[in-house]
Amino acid sequence: TKDIEAVLKSLKSKDRLKMAKIILLGASEGTILATMVAENENNNIDALFLVGYANDNLADIIKWQYQNSGENAMLVYKNFI
């Protein structure tokens, strides 16, 4: 969320975007992150679009993906964890 917030702050610092509305699009695990960013009132998020809402935490989602997608997917994820 800190990365997303940093991007939002950078965009809002530009004169041509100061009055722009901010709409976050979150898909799958991104629905968790977008919601967390929107919860912080300082971010001034105007709207959320959540696609494929994820109701579990990220650790449980990754475990589920590992169990249902095979080891190859987990090898990719482990580089980012």
Protein backbone atom coordinates (compact mmCIF):
# COMPACT_ATOMS: atom_id res chain seq x y z
CA THR A 1 0.00 0.00 0.00
CA LYS A 2 2.89 2.36 0.68
CA ASP A 3 4.00 2.01 -2.96
CA ILE A 4 0.51 2.79 -4.25
CA GLU A 5 0.25 5.77 -1.90
CA ALA A 6 3.62 7.07 -3.12
CA VAL A 7 2.44 6.88 -6.74
CA LEU A 8 -0.79 8.71 -5.86
CA LYS A 9 1.16 11.45 -4.05
CA SER A 10 3.48 11.83 -7.04
CA LEU A 11 0.58 12.10 -9.49
CA LYS A 12 -1.27 14.63 -7.32
CA SER A 13 1.87 16.78 -7.12
CA LYS A 14 1.60 17.52 -10.84
CA ASP A 15 -0.32 20.70 -11.59
CA ARG A 16 -2.43 19.17 -14.35
CA LEU A 17 -3.58 16.33 -12.06
CA LYS A 18 -4.23 18.18 -8.79
CA MET A 19 -7.99 18.21 -9.34
CA ALA A 20 -8.21 14.79 -11.03
CA LYS A 21 -10.44 12.14 -9.50
CA ILE A 22 -8.66 8.99 -8.35
CA ILE A 23 -10.30 5.67 -9.18
CA LEU A 24 -8.50 2.48 -8.15
CA LEU A 25 -8.98 -0.76 -10.04
CA GLY A 26 -8.20 -3.88 -8.06
CA ALA A 27 -8.30 -7.39 -9.48
CA SER A 28 -8.04 -10.58 -7.43
CA GLU A 29 -5.42 -9.94 -4.72
CA GLY A 30 -5.36 -6.31 -5.88
CA THR A 31 -8.85 -5.89 -4.42
CA ILE A 32 -7.32 -6.25 -0.96
CA LEU A 33 -4.65 -3.63 -1.65
CA ALA A 34 -7.01 -1.16 -3.35
CA THR A 35 -9.42 -1.40 -0.42
CA MET A 36 -6.63 -0.83 2.09
CA VAL A 37 -5.44 2.27 0.20
CA ALA A 38 -9.01 3.62 -0.04
CA GLU A 39 -9.56 3.14 3.70
CA ASN A 40 -6.92 5.79 4.38
CA GLU A 41 -8.86 9.05 4.06
CA ASN A 42 -5.63 10.97 3.36
CA ASN A 43 -5.42 9.25 -0.04
CA ASN A 44 -8.68 10.89 -1.24
CA ILE A 45 -9.83 7.96 -3.37
CA ASP A 46 -13.00 8.85 -5.29
CA ALA A 47 -14.05 5.36 -6.36
CA LEU A 48 -13.09 1.69 -6.32
CA PHE A 49 -13.62 -0.93 -9.00
CA LEU A 50 -13.06 -4.40 -7.55
CA VAL A 51 -12.88 -7.32 -9.97
CA GLY A 52 -12.75 -10.89 -8.70
CA TYR A 53 -12.86 -9.80 -5.07
CA ALA A 54 -10.48 -11.77 -2.84
CA ASN A 55 -11.99 -12.47 0.58
CA ASP A 56 -8.96 -14.21 2.11
CA ASN A 57 -5.59 -12.85 3.16
CA LEU A 58 -2.71 -12.99 0.67
CA ALA A 59 -0.95 -15.88 2.44
CA ASP A 60 -4.07 -18.08 2.18
CA ILE A 61 -4.58 -17.09 -1.46
CA ILE A 62 -1.00 -18.06 -2.35
CA LYS A 63 -1.40 -21.38 -0.49
CA TRP A 64 -4.61 -22.07 -2.43
CA GLN A 65 -2.93 -21.19 -5.73
CA TYR A 66 -0.04 -23.51 -4.88
CA GLN A 67 -2.40 -26.38 -4.10
CA ASN A 68 -4.46 -25.84 -7.26
CA SER A 69 -1.89 -24.56 -9.75
CA GLY A 70 1.15 -26.69 -9.11
CA GLU A 71 4.67 -25.99 -7.97
CA ASN A 72 5.65 -23.85 -10.97
CA ALA A 73 3.45 -20.94 -9.83
CA MET A 74 4.97 -21.06 -6.35
CA LEU A 75 8.49 -20.90 -7.79
CA VAL A 76 7.57 -17.58 -9.41
CA TYR A 77 5.95 -16.18 -6.24
CA LYS A 78 8.81 -17.11 -3.93
CA ASN A 79 11.08 -14.63 -5.70
CA PHE A 80 8.77 -11.81 -4.60
CA ILE A 81 8.12 -12.95 -1.03
